[in-house]
Amino acid sequence: MQNDMCHKDYTAKILIADVCQLFREKMKQLIADNFHSIMIAEVSNEQGVLNEMSQHTFDVVILDIELSDEKGLQILQKIKNINPMIPVLVMSMFPIKQYEEFAFKAGAYCYLSKVNMANDLIPILMQLMAQERNKLF
């Protein structure tokens, strides 16, 4: 990735919530390659998300739709009850058209396919970081 596209001057806290450790590691590496001062926490289940959210403030949550111990996107609603303004990026192996509408209705910032994660995640995070920087000034 080109250096001019990297936002290595902004500090943010991201929570990655995904059942697959290898996928969490891949996301962490992708984010670290593009952002310098990012603090990343990771969890593998719904209770982990709720514990982290109750103890720490995050700028973004990256949420695997399959993470929920309950049906569908109820975990997303719980996250929004804790912090209504937090952007939640919902990711899934399911086709976007299948769950996108449900994700938006539940309060997702966006819905991403895990298949295209390498291409789609960083531009969305860059957009979010730019919005956060603008709020600071």
N, C-alpha and C. Protein backbone atom coordinates (compact mmCIF):
# COMPACT_ATOMS: atom_id res chain seq x y z
N MET A 1 0.85 -1.19 0.00
CA MET A 1 0.00 0.00 0.00
C MET A 1 0.89 1.24 0.00
N GLN A 2 0.48 2.28 -0.69
CA GLN A 2 1.25 3.50 -0.78
C GLN A 2 1.22 4.25 0.54
N ASN A 3 2.33 4.92 0.86
CA ASN A 3 2.43 5.66 2.10
C ASN A 3 1.44 6.80 2.21
N ASP A 4 1.09 7.44 1.09
CA ASP A 4 0.16 8.57 1.16
C ASP A 4 -1.25 8.12 1.54
N MET A 5 -1.53 6.84 1.42
CA MET A 5 -2.85 6.35 1.80
C MET A 5 -2.88 5.90 3.26
N CYS A 6 -1.72 5.79 3.88
CA CYS A 6 -1.65 5.33 5.26
C CYS A 6 -1.91 6.48 6.22
N HIS A 7 -2.70 6.24 7.21
CA HIS A 7 -3.00 7.24 8.22
C HIS A 7 -2.27 6.84 9.49
N LYS A 8 -0.97 7.10 9.52
CA LYS A 8 -0.15 6.65 10.63
C LYS A 8 -0.02 7.71 11.71
N ASP A 9 -0.86 8.74 11.69
CA ASP A 9 -0.76 9.81 12.68
C ASP A 9 -1.98 9.89 13.58
N TYR A 10 -2.86 8.94 13.55
CA TYR A 10 -4.08 8.99 14.33
C TYR A 10 -4.16 7.78 15.25
N THR A 11 -4.47 8.02 16.50
CA THR A 11 -4.61 6.94 17.46
C THR A 11 -6.08 6.60 17.62
N ALA A 12 -6.40 5.34 17.54
CA ALA A 12 -7.78 4.89 17.69
C ALA A 12 -7.77 3.55 18.39
N LYS A 13 -8.92 3.20 18.95
CA LYS A 13 -9.10 1.91 19.60
C LYS A 13 -10.14 1.12 18.82
N ILE A 14 -9.76 -0.07 18.42
CA ILE A 14 -10.64 -0.92 17.63
C ILE A 14 -10.85 -2.24 18.38
N LEU A 15 -12.09 -2.69 18.40
CA LEU A 15 -12.41 -4.01 18.95
C LEU A 15 -12.76 -4.93 17.80
N ILE A 16 -12.00 -6.01 17.67
CA ILE A 16 -12.28 -7.02 16.66
C ILE A 16 -12.97 -8.19 17.36
N ALA A 17 -14.17 -8.51 16.91
CA ALA A 17 -14.94 -9.60 17.50
C ALA A 17 -15.25 -10.62 16.42
N ASP A 18 -14.49 -11.71 16.44
CA ASP A 18 -14.64 -12.74 15.42
C ASP A 18 -14.33 -14.10 16.04
N VAL A 19 -15.06 -15.11 15.63
CA VAL A 19 -14.88 -16.44 16.20
C VAL A 19 -13.56 -17.09 15.78
N CYS A 20 -13.01 -16.69 14.66
CA CYS A 20 -11.82 -17.33 14.10
C CYS A 20 -10.55 -16.54 14.46
N GLN A 21 -9.66 -17.19 15.21
CA GLN A 21 -8.42 -16.53 15.62
C GLN A 21 -7.56 -16.15 14.42
N LEU A 22 -7.47 -17.00 13.42
CA LEU A 22 -6.66 -16.68 12.24
C LEU A 22 -7.21 -15.46 11.51
N PHE A 23 -8.52 -15.35 11.44
CA PHE A 23 -9.12 -14.20 10.78
C PHE A 23 -8.85 -12.92 11.58
N ARG A 24 -8.94 -13.01 12.92
CA ARG A 24 -8.63 -11.85 13.77
C ARG A 24 -7.18 -11.43 13.55
N GLU A 25 -6.27 -12.39 13.47
CA GLU A 25 -4.86 -12.08 13.25
C GLU A 25 -4.65 -11.41 11.89
N LYS A 26 -5.34 -11.89 10.88
CA LYS A 26 -5.22 -11.29 9.54
C LYS A 26 -5.72 -9.84 9.56
N MET A 27 -6.85 -9.60 10.24
CA MET A 27 -7.37 -8.23 10.34
C MET A 27 -6.41 -7.33 11.09
N LYS A 28 -5.86 -7.82 12.21
CA LYS A 28 -4.92 -7.02 12.99
C LYS A 28 -3.70 -6.65 12.15
N GLN A 29 -3.18 -7.60 11.39
CA GLN A 29 -2.02 -7.32 10.55
C GLN A 29 -2.35 -6.30 9.46
N LEU A 30 -3.50 -6.47 8.82
CA LEU A 30 -3.93 -5.54 7.78
C LEU A 30 -4.07 -4.13 8.34
N ILE A 31 -4.66 -4.01 9.51
CA ILE A 31 -4.83 -2.69 10.14
C ILE A 31 -3.47 -2.12 10.53
N ALA A 32 -2.61 -2.93 11.14
CA ALA A 32 -1.28 -2.47 11.56
C ALA A 32 -0.44 -2.01 10.37
N ASP A 33 -0.61 -2.63 9.23
CA ASP A 33 0.13 -2.23 8.03
C ASP A 33 -0.30 -0.88 7.50
N ASN A 34 -1.48 -0.42 7.90
CA ASN A 34 -2.03 0.82 7.34
C ASN A 34 -2.21 1.94 8.34
N PHE A 35 -2.16 1.62 9.61
CA PHE A 35 -2.32 2.63 10.66
C PHE A 35 -1.26 2.39 11.72
N HIS A 36 -0.64 3.46 12.16
CA HIS A 36 0.47 3.34 13.11
C HIS A 36 -0.02 3.20 14.55
N SER A 37 -0.80 4.13 15.00
CA SER A 37 -1.16 4.22 16.41
C SER A 37 -2.56 3.68 16.68
N ILE A 38 -2.75 2.44 16.36
CA ILE A 38 -4.05 1.80 16.59
C ILE A 38 -3.88 0.80 17.72
N MET A 39 -4.78 0.89 18.67
CA MET A 39 -4.83 -0.11 19.74
C MET A 39 -5.96 -1.07 19.40
N ILE A 40 -5.65 -2.36 19.38
CA ILE A 40 -6.63 -3.36 18.97
C ILE A 40 -6.85 -4.36 20.10
N ALA A 41 -8.11 -4.53 20.46
CA ALA A 41 -8.50 -5.60 21.37
C ALA A 41 -9.25 -6.62 20.53
N GLU A 42 -9.19 -7.86 20.95
CA GLU A 42 -9.89 -8.89 20.20
C GLU A 42 -10.60 -9.84 21.15
N VAL A 43 -11.75 -10.29 20.70
CA VAL A 43 -12.56 -11.24 21.45
C VAL A 43 -13.12 -12.27 20.49
N SER A 44 -13.53 -13.41 21.05
CA SER A 44 -14.02 -14.49 20.20
C SER A 44 -15.47 -14.88 20.48
N ASN A 45 -16.12 -14.14 21.40
CA ASN A 45 -17.51 -14.48 21.70
C ASN A 45 -18.28 -13.26 22.18
N GLU A 46 -19.57 -13.43 22.28
CA GLU A 46 -20.46 -12.32 22.64
C GLU A 46 -20.14 -11.77 24.03
N GLN A 47 -19.90 -12.64 24.99
CA GLN A 47 -19.61 -12.17 26.35
C GLN A 47 -18.33 -11.34 26.36
N GLY A 48 -17.35 -11.73 25.55
CA GLY A 48 -16.12 -10.95 25.44
C GLY A 48 -16.38 -9.54 24.93
N VAL A 49 -17.26 -9.42 23.95
CA VAL A 49 -17.62 -8.09 23.41
C VAL A 49 -18.23 -7.24 24.52
N LEU A 50 -19.20 -7.80 25.22
CA LEU A 50 -19.89 -7.04 26.25
C LEU A 50 -18.94 -6.66 27.39
N ASN A 51 -18.04 -7.56 27.77
CA ASN A 51 -17.06 -7.24 28.81
C ASN A 51 -16.14 -6.11 28.37
N GLU A 52 -15.58 -6.21 27.17
CA GLU A 52 -14.67 -5.17 26.66
C GLU A 52 -15.37 -3.82 26.54
N MET A 53 -16.60 -3.85 26.03
CA MET A 53 -17.35 -2.60 25.84
C MET A 53 -17.70 -1.95 27.18
N SER A 54 -17.89 -2.75 28.21
CA SER A 54 -18.24 -2.18 29.51
C SER A 54 -17.00 -1.65 30.24
N GLN A 55 -15.81 -2.11 29.85
CA GLN A 55 -14.58 -1.70 30.53
C GLN A 55 -13.78 -0.66 29.76
N HIS A 56 -13.96 -0.57 28.45
CA HIS A 56 -13.13 0.30 27.62
C HIS A 56 -13.99 1.06 26.61
N THR A 57 -13.46 2.16 26.15
CA THR A 57 -14.11 2.94 25.10
C THR A 57 -13.40 2.64 23.78
N PHE A 58 -14.17 2.29 22.78
CA PHE A 58 -13.62 1.99 21.46
C PHE A 58 -14.15 2.99 20.45
N ASP A 59 -13.35 3.19 19.39
CA ASP A 59 -13.77 4.06 18.29
C ASP A 59 -14.54 3.29 17.23
N VAL A 60 -14.24 2.00 17.10
CA VAL A 60 -14.85 1.16 16.07
C VAL A 60 -14.94 -0.27 16.60
N VAL A 61 -16.01 -0.96 16.23
CA VAL A 61 -16.12 -2.40 16.48
C VAL A 61 -16.25 -3.09 15.13
N ILE A 62 -15.43 -4.11 14.93
CA ILE A 62 -15.54 -4.96 13.75
C ILE A 62 -16.15 -6.26 14.24
N LEU A 63 -17.35 -6.55 13.78
CA LEU A 63 -18.16 -7.62 14.35
C LEU A 63 -18.48 -8.70 13.33
N ASP A 64 -18.14 -9.94 13.65
CA ASP A 64 -18.52 -11.10 12.86
C ASP A 64 -19.98 -11.40 13.15
N ILE A 65 -20.80 -11.46 12.13
CA ILE A 65 -22.24 -11.70 12.31
C ILE A 65 -22.50 -13.06 12.96
N GLU A 66 -21.59 -13.99 12.82
CA GLU A 66 -21.74 -15.33 13.39
C GLU A 66 -21.31 -15.38 14.86
N LEU A 67 -20.87 -14.27 15.42
CA LEU A 67 -20.36 -14.25 16.78
C LEU A 67 -21.44 -14.45 17.82
N SER A 68 -22.61 -13.97 17.53
CA SER A 68 -23.68 -13.95 18.52
C SER A 68 -24.05 -15.35 18.98
N ASP A 69 -24.17 -15.47 20.29
CA ASP A 69 -24.65 -16.72 20.88
C ASP A 69 -26.16 -16.82 20.71
N GLU A 70 -26.77 -15.70 20.37
CA GLU A 70 -28.22 -15.64 20.17
C GLU A 70 -28.51 -15.57 18.68
N LYS A 71 -29.75 -15.33 18.34
CA LYS A 71 -30.14 -15.27 16.94
C LYS A 71 -29.73 -13.94 16.30
N GLY A 72 -29.21 -14.05 15.10
CA GLY A 72 -29.00 -12.88 14.24
C GLY A 72 -28.14 -11.79 14.82
N LEU A 73 -28.65 -10.58 14.74
CA LEU A 73 -27.87 -9.40 15.07
C LEU A 73 -28.19 -8.82 16.45
N GLN A 74 -28.63 -9.65 17.38
CA GLN A 74 -28.95 -9.15 18.71
C GLN A 74 -27.73 -8.59 19.42
N ILE A 75 -26.55 -9.14 19.14
CA ILE A 75 -25.33 -8.61 19.74
C ILE A 75 -25.10 -7.17 19.28
N LEU A 76 -25.43 -6.88 18.04
CA LEU A 76 -25.28 -5.51 17.53
C LEU A 76 -26.19 -4.56 18.31
N GLN A 77 -27.39 -4.99 18.60
CA GLN A 77 -28.31 -4.15 19.38
C GLN A 77 -27.77 -3.94 20.79
N LYS A 78 -27.15 -4.95 21.36
CA LYS A 78 -26.55 -4.81 22.70
C LYS A 78 -25.38 -3.82 22.68
N ILE A 79 -24.57 -3.88 21.63
CA ILE A 79 -23.46 -2.93 21.49
C ILE A 79 -24.00 -1.52 21.40
N LYS A 80 -25.04 -1.33 20.61
CA LYS A 80 -25.64 0.00 20.43
C LYS A 80 -26.30 0.49 21.72
N ASN A 81 -26.77 -0.42 22.56
CA ASN A 81 -27.31 -0.01 23.86
C ASN A 81 -26.20 0.50 24.77
N ILE A 82 -25.01 -0.07 24.66
CA ILE A 82 -23.88 0.38 25.47
C ILE A 82 -23.34 1.70 24.93
N ASN A 83 -23.18 1.79 23.61
CA ASN A 83 -22.64 2.99 22.98
C ASN A 83 -23.37 3.23 21.66
N PRO A 84 -24.44 4.03 21.69
CA PRO A 84 -25.27 4.22 20.49
C PRO A 84 -24.53 4.85 19.31
N MET A 85 -23.44 5.57 19.57
CA MET A 85 -22.77 6.30 18.49
C MET A 85 -21.61 5.53 17.86
N ILE A 86 -21.24 4.40 18.42
CA ILE A 86 -20.06 3.69 17.90
C ILE A 86 -20.34 3.07 16.53
N PRO A 87 -19.43 3.27 15.59
CA PRO A 87 -19.59 2.61 14.29
C PRO A 87 -19.26 1.12 14.43
N VAL A 88 -20.18 0.29 13.97
CA VAL A 88 -19.98 -1.16 14.00
C VAL A 88 -19.93 -1.64 12.56
N LEU A 89 -18.79 -2.23 12.20
CA LEU A 89 -18.62 -2.80 10.88
C LEU A 89 -18.97 -4.28 10.98
N VAL A 90 -20.07 -4.68 10.39
CA VAL A 90 -20.50 -6.07 10.45
C VAL A 90 -19.89 -6.81 9.27
N MET A 91 -19.25 -7.94 9.58
CA MET A 91 -18.61 -8.74 8.54
C MET A 91 -19.19 -10.15 8.55
N SER A 92 -19.20 -10.76 7.37
CA SER A 92 -19.74 -12.10 7.27
C SER A 92 -19.24 -12.78 6.01
N MET A 93 -19.31 -14.09 6.03
CA MET A 93 -19.04 -14.88 4.83
C MET A 93 -20.29 -14.95 3.95
N PHE A 94 -21.43 -14.57 4.53
CA PHE A 94 -22.68 -14.59 3.78
C PHE A 94 -22.68 -13.48 2.74
N PRO A 95 -23.38 -13.68 1.63
CA PRO A 95 -23.47 -12.63 0.61
C PRO A 95 -24.05 -11.34 1.20
N ILE A 96 -23.53 -10.22 0.76
CA ILE A 96 -23.96 -8.93 1.28
C ILE A 96 -25.46 -8.75 1.15
N LYS A 97 -26.02 -9.08 0.02
CA LYS A 97 -27.45 -8.86 -0.20
C LYS A 97 -28.32 -9.64 0.79
N GLN A 98 -27.79 -10.75 1.30
CA GLN A 98 -28.58 -11.59 2.20
C GLN A 98 -28.81 -10.93 3.56
N TYR A 99 -27.82 -10.20 4.09
CA TYR A 99 -27.92 -9.67 5.45
C TYR A 99 -27.76 -8.16 5.57
N GLU A 100 -27.38 -7.49 4.51
CA GLU A 100 -27.09 -6.06 4.58
C GLU A 100 -28.25 -5.25 5.15
N GLU A 101 -29.45 -5.47 4.66
CA GLU A 101 -30.61 -4.70 5.13
C GLU A 101 -30.84 -4.92 6.63
N PHE A 102 -30.71 -6.16 7.07
CA PHE A 102 -30.90 -6.46 8.50
C PHE A 102 -29.82 -5.78 9.34
N ALA A 103 -28.60 -5.78 8.84
CA ALA A 103 -27.50 -5.16 9.57
C ALA A 103 -27.73 -3.66 9.72
N PHE A 104 -28.15 -2.99 8.66
CA PHE A 104 -28.40 -1.55 8.74
C PHE A 104 -29.56 -1.24 9.67
N LYS A 105 -30.60 -2.03 9.61
CA LYS A 105 -31.74 -1.81 10.50
C LYS A 105 -31.35 -1.98 11.96
N ALA A 106 -30.39 -2.85 12.23
CA ALA A 106 -29.93 -3.09 13.59
C ALA A 106 -28.93 -2.04 14.06
N GLY A 107 -28.47 -1.18 13.14
CA GLY A 107 -27.57 -0.09 13.53
C GLY A 107 -26.15 -0.21 13.04
N ALA A 108 -25.88 -1.11 12.11
CA ALA A 108 -24.52 -1.26 11.59
C ALA A 108 -24.12 -0.03 10.78
N TYR A 109 -22.83 0.31 10.84
CA TYR A 109 -22.28 1.39 10.02
C TYR A 109 -22.16 0.91 8.58
N CYS A 110 -21.73 -0.35 8.43
CA CYS A 110 -21.64 -0.95 7.11
C CYS A 110 -21.61 -2.47 7.25
N TYR A 111 -21.78 -3.13 6.13
CA TYR A 111 -21.76 -4.59 6.07
C TYR A 111 -20.72 -4.98 5.04
N LEU A 112 -19.75 -5.79 5.46
CA LEU A 112 -18.66 -6.18 4.59
C LEU A 112 -18.60 -7.69 4.42
N SER A 113 -18.25 -8.11 3.25
CA SER A 113 -18.02 -9.53 3.00
C SER A 113 -16.59 -9.86 3.43
N LYS A 114 -16.42 -10.94 4.17
CA LYS A 114 -15.08 -11.36 4.57
C LYS A 114 -14.24 -11.71 3.35
N VAL A 115 -14.89 -12.11 2.28
CA VAL A 115 -14.17 -12.46 1.06
C VAL A 115 -13.41 -11.25 0.52
N ASN A 116 -14.00 -10.05 0.64
CA ASN A 116 -13.38 -8.82 0.13
C ASN A 116 -12.77 -7.97 1.23
N MET A 117 -12.58 -8.52 2.41
CA MET A 117 -12.11 -7.75 3.55
C MET A 117 -10.82 -6.99 3.26
N ALA A 118 -9.86 -7.61 2.60
CA ALA A 118 -8.58 -6.96 2.34
C ALA A 118 -8.74 -5.69 1.50
N ASN A 119 -9.72 -5.66 0.62
CA ASN A 119 -9.94 -4.49 -0.23
C ASN A 119 -10.87 -3.46 0.39
N ASP A 120 -11.80 -3.89 1.21
CA ASP A 120 -12.86 -3.00 1.69
C ASP A 120 -12.61 -2.41 3.08
N LEU A 121 -11.93 -3.14 3.95
CA LEU A 121 -11.81 -2.71 5.35
C LEU A 121 -11.02 -1.42 5.51
N ILE A 122 -9.86 -1.33 4.90
CA ILE A 122 -8.99 -0.16 5.12
C ILE A 122 -9.63 1.14 4.63
N PRO A 123 -10.23 1.20 3.43
CA PRO A 123 -10.88 2.46 3.02
C PRO A 123 -11.98 2.90 4.00
N ILE A 124 -12.72 1.95 4.53
CA ILE A 124 -13.78 2.31 5.48
C ILE A 124 -13.18 2.82 6.77
N LEU A 125 -12.12 2.16 7.27
CA LEU A 125 -11.47 2.64 8.48
C LEU A 125 -10.84 4.02 8.26
N MET A 126 -10.27 4.25 7.09
CA MET A 126 -9.70 5.57 6.78
C MET A 126 -10.78 6.65 6.82
N GLN A 127 -11.94 6.33 6.28
CA GLN A 127 -13.06 7.27 6.30
C GLN A 127 -13.48 7.56 7.74
N LEU A 128 -13.59 6.54 8.55
CA LEU A 128 -13.98 6.73 9.95
C LEU A 128 -12.94 7.54 10.72
N MET A 129 -11.66 7.25 10.49
CA MET A 129 -10.60 7.98 11.19
C MET A 129 -10.58 9.45 10.78
N ALA A 130 -10.84 9.71 9.51
CA ALA A 130 -10.91 11.10 9.05
C ALA A 130 -12.07 11.83 9.71
N GLN A 131 -13.20 11.17 9.85
CA GLN A 131 -14.35 11.78 10.52
C GLN A 131 -14.02 12.07 11.98
N GLU A 132 -13.35 11.16 12.66
CA GLU A 132 -12.98 11.36 14.06
C GLU A 132 -12.00 12.51 14.20
N ARG A 133 -11.01 12.58 13.31
CA ARG A 133 -10.05 13.70 13.35
C ARG A 133 -10.76 15.02 13.18
N ASN A 134 -11.72 15.07 12.27
CA ASN A 134 -12.45 16.31 12.03
C ASN A 134 -13.25 16.74 13.26
N LYS A 135 -13.72 15.81 14.06
CA LYS A 135 -14.44 16.15 15.27
C LYS A 135 -13.53 16.78 16.32
N LEU A 136 -12.25 16.44 16.27
CA LEU A 136 -11.29 16.96 17.25
C LEU A 136 -10.92 18.41 17.00
N PHE A 137 -11.09 18.86 15.78
CA PHE A 137 -10.65 20.23 15.43
C PHE A 137 -11.81 21.17 15.25
